[in-house]
Amino acid sequence: MSAPITDAKPSAPSGSTPSSSAQSGSALSSALSSDHGRTQIAETVVSKIAGLAAREVNGVYKLGGGAARAFGAIRERIPGGTTNAGQGVTVEVGETQAAVDLDLAVEYGVAIVDLAKAVRRNVITSLERMTGLEVVEVNISVNDVHLPSDDDEQADDSGRDQRESRVQ
C-alpha cells in the first residue's frame, strides 16, 4: 500500500499559515480524504456558508464594511440582482482546516460580546457540519451599529418631496 499523500508532500515554507501547512495523518483521517479520493472545497463555498450562518444570528444587521454594504444595497435594487451571501466574509481554506474573518454591523442594544460568541458558535457548527473542515478560528470585526433611526432617515430621504416644507 502506498504512503498517504500528506507524507509525500513537502513541508510548508516558513511563514505559512496553520491552515496551509502540512499535517501528518490529519488529512488521511479527515472526512475529506479517503483511500478512494480527496474532496476539495472552494473558498467561495466556505464564505457563503459562513455568511449565511452569521446572518442567522439575531442581532446581526448586515455583513460587510460600509462600502461593501452600500454596493450590496445597489446590487439588490437592480432587477434580477441578488444578495451576495459571502459579503463581509474572508476565508482561508486548507486541506483540512479553515479560518474565517467576518465584518459585521450589529443592531443597537445587542450585547456585542454575546453576539460574537453566538456568531462564532453558529459559523463553526455550520462549517464543520457541512464541509467536514476543522474551523481553527473565526475573527469578528464589528464596524457599525444599526440604529432604529437609520431606517427612519432612509424613509425620510426617499419621501423628501412628499413631505410638507417646514419653512414657507
N, C-alpha and C. Protein backbone atom coordinates (compact mmCIF):
# COMPACT_ATOMS: atom_id res chain seq x y z
N MET A 1 0.85 -1.18 0.00
CA MET A 1 0.00 0.00 0.00
C MET A 1 0.89 1.24 0.00
N SER A 2 0.53 2.26 -0.74
CA SER A 2 1.36 3.46 -0.84
C SER A 2 1.19 4.34 0.39
N ALA A 3 2.16 5.22 0.59
CA ALA A 3 2.13 6.13 1.74
C ALA A 3 1.05 7.18 1.53
N PRO A 4 0.48 7.73 2.62
CA PRO A 4 -0.53 8.77 2.49
C PRO A 4 0.04 9.97 1.73
N ILE A 5 -0.82 10.68 1.04
CA ILE A 5 -0.42 11.84 0.24
C ILE A 5 0.26 12.88 1.11
N THR A 6 -0.22 13.07 2.33
CA THR A 6 0.36 14.10 3.18
C THR A 6 1.80 13.78 3.56
N ASP A 7 2.20 12.50 3.59
CA ASP A 7 3.58 12.17 3.89
C ASP A 7 4.49 12.51 2.73
N ALA A 8 4.00 12.42 1.50
CA ALA A 8 4.81 12.69 0.33
C ALA A 8 4.91 14.18 0.06
N LYS A 9 4.05 14.98 0.66
CA LYS A 9 4.01 16.42 0.42
C LYS A 9 5.14 17.09 1.18
N PRO A 10 5.90 18.01 0.54
CA PRO A 10 6.96 18.70 1.26
C PRO A 10 6.36 19.59 2.33
N SER A 11 7.12 19.81 3.37
CA SER A 11 6.61 20.65 4.46
C SER A 11 6.45 22.07 3.96
N ALA A 12 5.55 22.80 4.61
CA ALA A 12 5.23 24.16 4.19
C ALA A 12 6.39 25.09 4.49
N PRO A 13 6.59 26.11 3.65
CA PRO A 13 7.67 27.06 3.90
C PRO A 13 7.40 27.85 5.16
N SER A 14 8.47 28.36 5.77
CA SER A 14 8.30 29.13 6.99
C SER A 14 7.50 30.38 6.67
N GLY A 15 6.69 30.82 7.64
CA GLY A 15 5.84 31.97 7.46
C GLY A 15 4.47 31.62 6.90
N SER A 16 4.22 30.35 6.64
CA SER A 16 2.91 29.98 6.11
C SER A 16 1.92 29.91 7.26
N THR A 17 0.66 29.95 6.91
CA THR A 17 -0.38 29.92 7.91
C THR A 17 -0.66 28.49 8.34
N PRO A 18 -1.26 28.32 9.54
CA PRO A 18 -1.54 26.96 10.00
C PRO A 18 -2.46 26.20 9.07
N SER A 19 -3.37 26.90 8.38
CA SER A 19 -4.31 26.18 7.54
C SER A 19 -3.68 25.67 6.26
N SER A 20 -2.49 26.21 5.88
CA SER A 20 -1.86 25.75 4.66
C SER A 20 -0.69 24.82 4.93
N SER A 21 -0.32 24.62 6.19
CA SER A 21 0.82 23.76 6.49
C SER A 21 0.42 22.30 6.43
N ALA A 22 1.39 21.47 6.11
CA ALA A 22 1.12 20.03 6.02
C ALA A 22 0.93 19.47 7.43
N GLN A 23 -0.02 18.58 7.57
CA GLN A 23 -0.30 17.99 8.87
C GLN A 23 -0.27 16.48 8.68
N SER A 24 0.70 15.83 9.29
CA SER A 24 0.86 14.39 9.06
C SER A 24 -0.32 13.62 9.63
N GLY A 25 -0.96 12.88 8.76
CA GLY A 25 -2.04 11.99 9.19
C GLY A 25 -3.39 12.63 9.31
N SER A 26 -3.47 13.96 9.47
CA SER A 26 -4.78 14.57 9.69
C SER A 26 -5.64 14.52 8.44
N ALA A 27 -5.04 14.66 7.26
CA ALA A 27 -5.83 14.60 6.02
C ALA A 27 -6.35 13.19 5.80
N LEU A 28 -5.56 12.18 6.18
CA LEU A 28 -5.98 10.80 5.99
C LEU A 28 -7.17 10.47 6.87
N SER A 29 -7.19 11.03 8.09
CA SER A 29 -8.28 10.73 9.00
C SER A 29 -9.47 11.66 8.77
N SER A 30 -9.30 12.67 7.94
CA SER A 30 -10.37 13.62 7.67
C SER A 30 -11.46 12.97 6.82
N ALA A 31 -12.66 13.48 6.97
CA ALA A 31 -13.77 13.01 6.13
C ALA A 31 -13.59 13.45 4.69
N LEU A 32 -12.68 14.40 4.45
CA LEU A 32 -12.46 14.90 3.10
C LEU A 32 -11.47 14.07 2.30
N SER A 33 -10.81 13.12 2.96
CA SER A 33 -9.82 12.31 2.27
C SER A 33 -10.00 10.85 2.67
N SER A 34 -9.91 9.98 1.69
CA SER A 34 -10.03 8.56 1.97
C SER A 34 -9.14 7.79 1.00
N ASP A 35 -9.18 6.49 1.08
CA ASP A 35 -8.43 5.66 0.14
C ASP A 35 -8.97 5.80 -1.28
N HIS A 36 -10.20 6.28 -1.41
CA HIS A 36 -10.85 6.36 -2.72
C HIS A 36 -10.73 7.73 -3.37
N GLY A 37 -10.20 8.71 -2.67
CA GLY A 37 -10.04 10.03 -3.26
C GLY A 37 -10.08 11.14 -2.24
N ARG A 38 -10.02 12.35 -2.75
CA ARG A 38 -9.95 13.53 -1.90
C ARG A 38 -11.02 14.52 -2.34
N THR A 39 -11.60 15.23 -1.40
CA THR A 39 -12.60 16.26 -1.69
C THR A 39 -12.00 17.62 -1.35
N GLN A 40 -12.09 18.55 -2.29
CA GLN A 40 -11.64 19.91 -2.05
C GLN A 40 -12.85 20.83 -2.06
N ILE A 41 -12.87 21.76 -1.12
CA ILE A 41 -13.99 22.69 -1.01
C ILE A 41 -13.46 24.09 -1.30
N ALA A 42 -14.09 24.77 -2.25
CA ALA A 42 -13.65 26.09 -2.68
C ALA A 42 -13.90 27.14 -1.60
N GLU A 43 -13.09 28.18 -1.62
CA GLU A 43 -13.23 29.27 -0.65
C GLU A 43 -14.58 29.96 -0.78
N THR A 44 -15.12 30.06 -1.99
CA THR A 44 -16.43 30.70 -2.16
C THR A 44 -17.53 29.92 -1.46
N VAL A 45 -17.42 28.60 -1.45
CA VAL A 45 -18.40 27.77 -0.75
C VAL A 45 -18.33 28.03 0.75
N VAL A 46 -17.12 28.03 1.28
CA VAL A 46 -16.93 28.26 2.72
C VAL A 46 -17.40 29.67 3.10
N SER A 47 -17.10 30.67 2.27
CA SER A 47 -17.52 32.03 2.60
C SER A 47 -19.04 32.19 2.57
N LYS A 48 -19.71 31.52 1.63
CA LYS A 48 -21.18 31.59 1.59
C LYS A 48 -21.80 30.94 2.81
N ILE A 49 -21.30 29.77 3.18
CA ILE A 49 -21.83 29.08 4.36
C ILE A 49 -21.61 29.93 5.60
N ALA A 50 -20.41 30.49 5.75
CA ALA A 50 -20.11 31.31 6.92
C ALA A 50 -20.99 32.56 6.95
N GLY A 51 -21.19 33.19 5.79
CA GLY A 51 -22.03 34.38 5.74
C GLY A 51 -23.47 34.10 6.09
N LEU A 52 -24.00 33.02 5.56
CA LEU A 52 -25.39 32.65 5.88
C LEU A 52 -25.54 32.28 7.35
N ALA A 53 -24.57 31.56 7.89
CA ALA A 53 -24.62 31.17 9.30
C ALA A 53 -24.55 32.40 10.21
N ALA A 54 -23.73 33.38 9.85
CA ALA A 54 -23.63 34.60 10.65
C ALA A 54 -24.93 35.39 10.61
N ARG A 55 -25.56 35.46 9.44
CA ARG A 55 -26.81 36.21 9.30
C ARG A 55 -27.97 35.56 10.06
N GLU A 56 -27.88 34.27 10.35
CA GLU A 56 -28.94 33.57 11.09
C GLU A 56 -29.04 34.03 12.54
N VAL A 57 -28.00 34.64 13.08
CA VAL A 57 -27.97 35.01 14.49
C VAL A 57 -28.70 36.34 14.67
N ASN A 58 -29.67 36.36 15.60
CA ASN A 58 -30.40 37.59 15.89
C ASN A 58 -29.44 38.63 16.45
N GLY A 59 -29.54 39.84 15.92
CA GLY A 59 -28.67 40.93 16.35
C GLY A 59 -27.65 41.32 15.29
N VAL A 60 -27.45 40.45 14.31
CA VAL A 60 -26.59 40.81 13.19
C VAL A 60 -27.45 41.57 12.20
N TYR A 61 -27.08 42.83 11.93
CA TYR A 61 -27.86 43.64 10.99
C TYR A 61 -27.44 43.34 9.55
N LYS A 62 -26.18 43.46 9.27
CA LYS A 62 -25.64 43.21 7.93
C LYS A 62 -24.20 42.75 8.06
N LEU A 63 -23.68 42.18 7.00
CA LEU A 63 -22.27 41.82 6.92
C LEU A 63 -21.59 42.74 5.93
N GLY A 64 -20.33 43.05 6.20
CA GLY A 64 -19.53 43.87 5.31
C GLY A 64 -19.30 45.24 5.88
N GLY A 65 -18.25 45.91 5.37
CA GLY A 65 -17.96 47.28 5.74
C GLY A 65 -18.95 48.22 5.08
N GLY A 66 -18.81 49.49 5.34
CA GLY A 66 -19.74 50.48 4.80
C GLY A 66 -19.83 50.47 3.29
N ALA A 67 -18.68 50.44 2.60
CA ALA A 67 -18.68 50.45 1.14
C ALA A 67 -19.29 49.17 0.58
N ALA A 68 -18.95 48.03 1.18
CA ALA A 68 -19.49 46.76 0.70
C ALA A 68 -21.00 46.71 0.90
N ARG A 69 -21.49 47.24 2.03
CA ARG A 69 -22.94 47.24 2.26
C ARG A 69 -23.64 48.17 1.28
N ALA A 70 -23.03 49.31 0.97
CA ALA A 70 -23.64 50.25 0.02
C ALA A 70 -23.70 49.62 -1.37
N PHE A 71 -22.62 48.99 -1.79
CA PHE A 71 -22.60 48.33 -3.09
C PHE A 71 -23.62 47.20 -3.13
N GLY A 72 -23.72 46.44 -2.04
CA GLY A 72 -24.69 45.35 -1.96
C GLY A 72 -26.12 45.87 -2.04
N ALA A 73 -26.40 47.01 -1.42
CA ALA A 73 -27.74 47.59 -1.47
C ALA A 73 -28.10 48.01 -2.89
N ILE A 74 -27.13 48.54 -3.62
CA ILE A 74 -27.37 48.92 -5.02
C ILE A 74 -27.63 47.68 -5.85
N ARG A 75 -26.82 46.64 -5.66
CA ARG A 75 -26.97 45.41 -6.43
C ARG A 75 -28.34 44.78 -6.17
N GLU A 76 -28.84 44.85 -4.94
CA GLU A 76 -30.14 44.25 -4.62
C GLU A 76 -31.29 44.99 -5.30
N ARG A 77 -31.10 46.29 -5.58
CA ARG A 77 -32.17 47.08 -6.20
C ARG A 77 -32.26 46.87 -7.70
N ILE A 78 -31.21 46.34 -8.29
CA ILE A 78 -31.22 46.09 -9.73
C ILE A 78 -32.13 44.89 -10.00
N PRO A 79 -33.03 44.99 -10.97
CA PRO A 79 -33.90 43.84 -11.28
C PRO A 79 -33.06 42.61 -11.60
N GLY A 80 -33.35 41.52 -10.93
CA GLY A 80 -32.59 40.28 -11.12
C GLY A 80 -31.36 40.21 -10.24
N GLY A 81 -31.06 41.28 -9.53
CA GLY A 81 -29.89 41.28 -8.64
C GLY A 81 -30.15 40.43 -7.41
N THR A 82 -29.09 39.88 -6.86
CA THR A 82 -29.23 39.02 -5.70
C THR A 82 -28.30 39.50 -4.58
N THR A 83 -28.55 39.00 -3.40
CA THR A 83 -27.69 39.29 -2.26
C THR A 83 -26.45 38.41 -2.34
N ASN A 84 -25.29 39.00 -2.08
CA ASN A 84 -24.05 38.25 -2.05
C ASN A 84 -23.91 37.62 -0.67
N ALA A 85 -24.07 36.32 -0.59
CA ALA A 85 -24.02 35.62 0.70
C ALA A 85 -22.64 35.68 1.34
N GLY A 86 -21.60 35.88 0.54
CA GLY A 86 -20.24 35.94 1.06
C GLY A 86 -19.76 37.34 1.37
N GLN A 87 -20.64 38.34 1.25
CA GLN A 87 -20.26 39.73 1.53
C GLN A 87 -19.83 39.87 2.98
N GLY A 88 -18.70 40.52 3.20
CA GLY A 88 -18.21 40.73 4.55
C GLY A 88 -17.50 39.54 5.14
N VAL A 89 -17.25 38.53 4.32
CA VAL A 89 -16.61 37.29 4.79
C VAL A 89 -15.32 37.08 4.01
N THR A 90 -14.24 36.83 4.73
CA THR A 90 -12.97 36.46 4.13
C THR A 90 -12.57 35.13 4.73
N VAL A 91 -12.17 34.18 3.90
CA VAL A 91 -11.80 32.86 4.41
C VAL A 91 -10.45 32.44 3.85
N GLU A 92 -9.86 31.53 4.56
CA GLU A 92 -8.66 30.85 4.10
C GLU A 92 -8.93 29.37 4.31
N VAL A 93 -8.81 28.60 3.24
CA VAL A 93 -9.15 27.18 3.30
C VAL A 93 -7.92 26.36 2.95
N GLY A 94 -7.60 25.42 3.83
CA GLY A 94 -6.53 24.47 3.57
C GLY A 94 -7.13 23.12 3.23
N GLU A 95 -6.32 22.08 3.35
CA GLU A 95 -6.81 20.73 3.04
C GLU A 95 -7.81 20.24 4.08
N THR A 96 -7.57 20.56 5.34
CA THR A 96 -8.45 20.04 6.40
C THR A 96 -8.97 21.13 7.34
N GLN A 97 -8.50 22.37 7.17
CA GLN A 97 -8.86 23.43 8.10
C GLN A 97 -9.31 24.68 7.35
N ALA A 98 -10.03 25.52 8.08
CA ALA A 98 -10.46 26.80 7.53
C ALA A 98 -10.38 27.87 8.62
N ALA A 99 -10.09 29.09 8.21
CA ALA A 99 -10.12 30.25 9.09
C ALA A 99 -11.05 31.27 8.45
N VAL A 100 -11.82 31.98 9.29
CA VAL A 100 -12.85 32.88 8.79
C VAL A 100 -12.70 34.24 9.46
N ASP A 101 -12.84 35.31 8.66
CA ASP A 101 -12.89 36.68 9.16
C ASP A 101 -14.23 37.27 8.74
N LEU A 102 -14.95 37.87 9.70
CA LEU A 102 -16.27 38.45 9.43
C LEU A 102 -16.27 39.94 9.78
N ASP A 103 -16.87 40.76 8.92
CA ASP A 103 -17.12 42.17 9.21
C ASP A 103 -18.61 42.33 9.42
N LEU A 104 -19.01 42.82 10.60
CA LEU A 104 -20.42 42.89 10.95
C LEU A 104 -20.87 44.31 11.26
N ALA A 105 -22.14 44.56 11.01
CA ALA A 105 -22.87 45.68 11.58
C ALA A 105 -23.92 45.04 12.48
N VAL A 106 -24.02 45.53 13.71
CA VAL A 106 -24.93 44.92 14.69
C VAL A 106 -26.09 45.86 14.98
N GLU A 107 -27.16 45.27 15.47
CA GLU A 107 -28.32 46.05 15.90
C GLU A 107 -27.99 46.76 17.21
N TYR A 108 -28.48 47.99 17.37
CA TYR A 108 -28.27 48.72 18.61
C TYR A 108 -28.97 47.99 19.76
N GLY A 109 -28.31 47.93 20.89
CA GLY A 109 -28.88 47.32 22.09
C GLY A 109 -28.45 45.89 22.32
N VAL A 110 -27.81 45.28 21.34
CA VAL A 110 -27.35 43.89 21.45
C VAL A 110 -26.01 43.87 22.18
N ALA A 111 -25.84 42.93 23.10
CA ALA A 111 -24.56 42.75 23.77
C ALA A 111 -23.57 42.17 22.75
N ILE A 112 -22.60 42.97 22.36
CA ILE A 112 -21.70 42.59 21.26
C ILE A 112 -20.88 41.35 21.62
N VAL A 113 -20.44 41.25 22.86
CA VAL A 113 -19.65 40.08 23.27
C VAL A 113 -20.47 38.80 23.14
N ASP A 114 -21.72 38.84 23.59
CA ASP A 114 -22.59 37.67 23.48
C ASP A 114 -22.93 37.36 22.03
N LEU A 115 -23.15 38.42 21.24
CA LEU A 115 -23.44 38.23 19.82
C LEU A 115 -22.25 37.58 19.11
N ALA A 116 -21.04 38.05 19.41
CA ALA A 116 -19.85 37.48 18.79
C ALA A 116 -19.70 36.00 19.13
N LYS A 117 -19.98 35.64 20.37
CA LYS A 117 -19.92 34.23 20.77
C LYS A 117 -20.94 33.40 19.99
N ALA A 118 -22.15 33.93 19.86
CA ALA A 118 -23.21 33.20 19.16
C ALA A 118 -22.88 33.07 17.66
N VAL A 119 -22.37 34.14 17.06
CA VAL A 119 -22.00 34.09 15.64
C VAL A 119 -20.87 33.08 15.45
N ARG A 120 -19.87 33.16 16.30
CA ARG A 120 -18.72 32.25 16.19
C ARG A 120 -19.18 30.79 16.31
N ARG A 121 -20.03 30.52 17.29
CA ARG A 121 -20.53 29.15 17.50
C ARG A 121 -21.34 28.67 16.30
N ASN A 122 -22.21 29.53 15.75
CA ASN A 122 -23.05 29.13 14.62
C ASN A 122 -22.22 28.92 13.35
N VAL A 123 -21.24 29.77 13.13
CA VAL A 123 -20.38 29.63 11.95
C VAL A 123 -19.56 28.35 12.04
N ILE A 124 -18.96 28.10 13.20
CA ILE A 124 -18.15 26.89 13.37
C ILE A 124 -19.00 25.64 13.20
N THR A 125 -20.16 25.61 13.84
CA THR A 125 -21.04 24.45 13.75
C THR A 125 -21.48 24.20 12.32
N SER A 126 -21.90 25.25 11.63
CA SER A 126 -22.38 25.09 10.25
C SER A 126 -21.26 24.63 9.32
N LEU A 127 -20.10 25.26 9.42
CA LEU A 127 -19.00 24.89 8.54
C LEU A 127 -18.51 23.47 8.79
N GLU A 128 -18.34 23.11 10.05
CA GLU A 128 -17.83 21.77 10.34
C GLU A 128 -18.84 20.70 9.95
N ARG A 129 -20.13 20.98 10.15
CA ARG A 129 -21.16 20.00 9.79
C ARG A 129 -21.28 19.86 8.27
N MET A 130 -21.25 20.98 7.56
CA MET A 130 -21.49 20.94 6.12
C MET A 130 -20.26 20.59 5.29
N THR A 131 -19.07 20.96 5.77
CA THR A 131 -17.87 20.77 4.95
C THR A 131 -16.93 19.71 5.48
N GLY A 132 -16.97 19.41 6.77
CA GLY A 132 -16.01 18.48 7.36
C GLY A 132 -14.68 19.13 7.67
N LEU A 133 -14.54 20.44 7.36
CA LEU A 133 -13.31 21.15 7.68
C LEU A 133 -13.28 21.50 9.16
N GLU A 134 -12.09 21.49 9.74
CA GLU A 134 -11.91 21.96 11.11
C GLU A 134 -11.76 23.47 11.05
N VAL A 135 -12.60 24.20 11.76
CA VAL A 135 -12.52 25.66 11.78
C VAL A 135 -11.58 26.04 12.92
N VAL A 136 -10.43 26.62 12.56
CA VAL A 136 -9.42 26.93 13.56
C VAL A 136 -9.64 28.28 14.21
N GLU A 137 -10.28 29.21 13.50
CA GLU A 137 -10.60 30.49 14.12
C GLU A 137 -11.68 31.21 13.33
N VAL A 138 -12.45 32.01 14.06
CA VAL A 138 -13.44 32.90 13.45
C VAL A 138 -13.21 34.27 14.09
N ASN A 139 -12.62 35.17 13.33
CA ASN A 139 -12.35 36.53 13.79
C ASN A 139 -13.50 37.43 13.38
N ILE A 140 -13.97 38.25 14.33
CA ILE A 140 -15.13 39.10 14.08
C ILE A 140 -14.73 40.55 14.30
N SER A 141 -15.03 41.38 13.30
CA SER A 141 -14.83 42.83 13.41
C SER A 141 -16.19 43.49 13.36
N VAL A 142 -16.55 44.18 14.41
CA VAL A 142 -17.81 44.92 14.44
C VAL A 142 -17.46 46.35 14.03
N ASN A 143 -17.96 46.78 12.86
CA ASN A 143 -17.58 48.09 12.37
C ASN A 143 -18.74 49.08 12.24
N ASP A 144 -19.92 48.68 12.72
CA ASP A 144 -21.05 49.62 12.69
C ASP A 144 -22.15 49.12 13.62
N VAL A 145 -22.95 50.07 14.10
CA VAL A 145 -24.13 49.76 14.90
C VAL A 145 -25.32 50.35 14.17
N HIS A 146 -26.30 49.51 13.88
CA HIS A 146 -27.50 49.98 13.20
C HIS A 146 -28.47 50.53 14.22
N LEU A 147 -28.87 51.78 14.03
CA LEU A 147 -29.82 52.43 14.93
C LEU A 147 -31.20 52.41 14.29
N PRO A 148 -32.25 52.28 15.11
CA PRO A 148 -33.60 52.31 14.54
C PRO A 148 -33.86 53.60 13.77
N SER A 149 -33.24 54.70 14.20
CA SER A 149 -33.45 55.98 13.50
C SER A 149 -32.83 55.96 12.10
N ASP A 150 -31.88 55.06 11.83
CA ASP A 150 -31.30 54.95 10.49
C ASP A 150 -32.36 54.58 9.47
N ASP A 151 -33.29 53.71 9.84
CA ASP A 151 -34.38 53.32 8.94
C ASP A 151 -35.30 54.50 8.69
N ASP A 152 -35.58 55.30 9.74
CA ASP A 152 -36.44 56.47 9.60
C ASP A 152 -35.82 57.50 8.67
N GLU A 153 -34.50 57.71 8.77
CA GLU A 153 -33.81 58.67 7.91
C GLU A 153 -33.84 58.22 6.47
N GLN A 154 -33.69 56.94 6.21
CA GLN A 154 -33.74 56.44 4.84
C GLN A 154 -35.14 56.64 4.27
N ALA A 155 -36.16 56.41 5.06
CA ALA A 155 -37.53 56.62 4.61
C ALA A 155 -37.77 58.10 4.36
N ASP A 156 -37.22 58.96 5.24
CA ASP A 156 -37.36 60.40 5.05
C ASP A 156 -36.69 60.86 3.78
N ASP A 157 -35.51 60.35 3.48
CA ASP A 157 -34.79 60.75 2.27
C ASP A 157 -35.55 60.36 1.02
N SER A 158 -36.17 59.18 1.02
CA SER A 158 -36.88 58.74 -0.17
C SER A 158 -38.20 59.48 -0.35
N GLY A 159 -38.76 60.01 0.71
CA GLY A 159 -40.04 60.70 0.62
C GLY A 159 -39.93 62.19 0.83
N ARG A 160 -38.74 62.76 0.66
CA ARG A 160 -38.50 64.17 0.95
C ARG A 160 -39.43 65.09 0.15
N ASP A 161 -39.68 64.79 -1.11
CA ASP A 161 -40.53 65.66 -1.93
C ASP A 161 -41.98 65.60 -1.49
N GLN A 162 -42.38 64.51 -0.86
CA GLN A 162 -43.76 64.34 -0.46
C GLN A 162 -44.07 65.00 0.88
N ARG A 163 -43.02 65.35 1.65
CA ARG A 163 -43.25 65.96 2.95
C ARG A 163 -43.58 67.45 2.78
N GLU A 164 -44.26 67.95 3.76
CA GLU A 164 -44.51 69.38 3.76
C GLU A 164 -43.24 70.10 4.18
N SER A 165 -43.05 71.24 3.62
CA SER A 165 -41.89 72.05 3.97
C SER A 165 -42.12 72.68 5.33
N ARG A 166 -41.07 72.75 6.13
CA ARG A 166 -41.19 73.39 7.44
C ARG A 166 -41.13 74.90 7.31
N VAL A 167 -40.58 75.36 6.21
CA VAL A 167 -40.43 76.79 6.01
C VAL A 167 -41.31 77.23 4.86
N GLN A 168 -42.04 78.34 5.06
CA GLN A 168 -42.91 78.85 3.98
C GLN A 168 -42.46 80.20 3.54
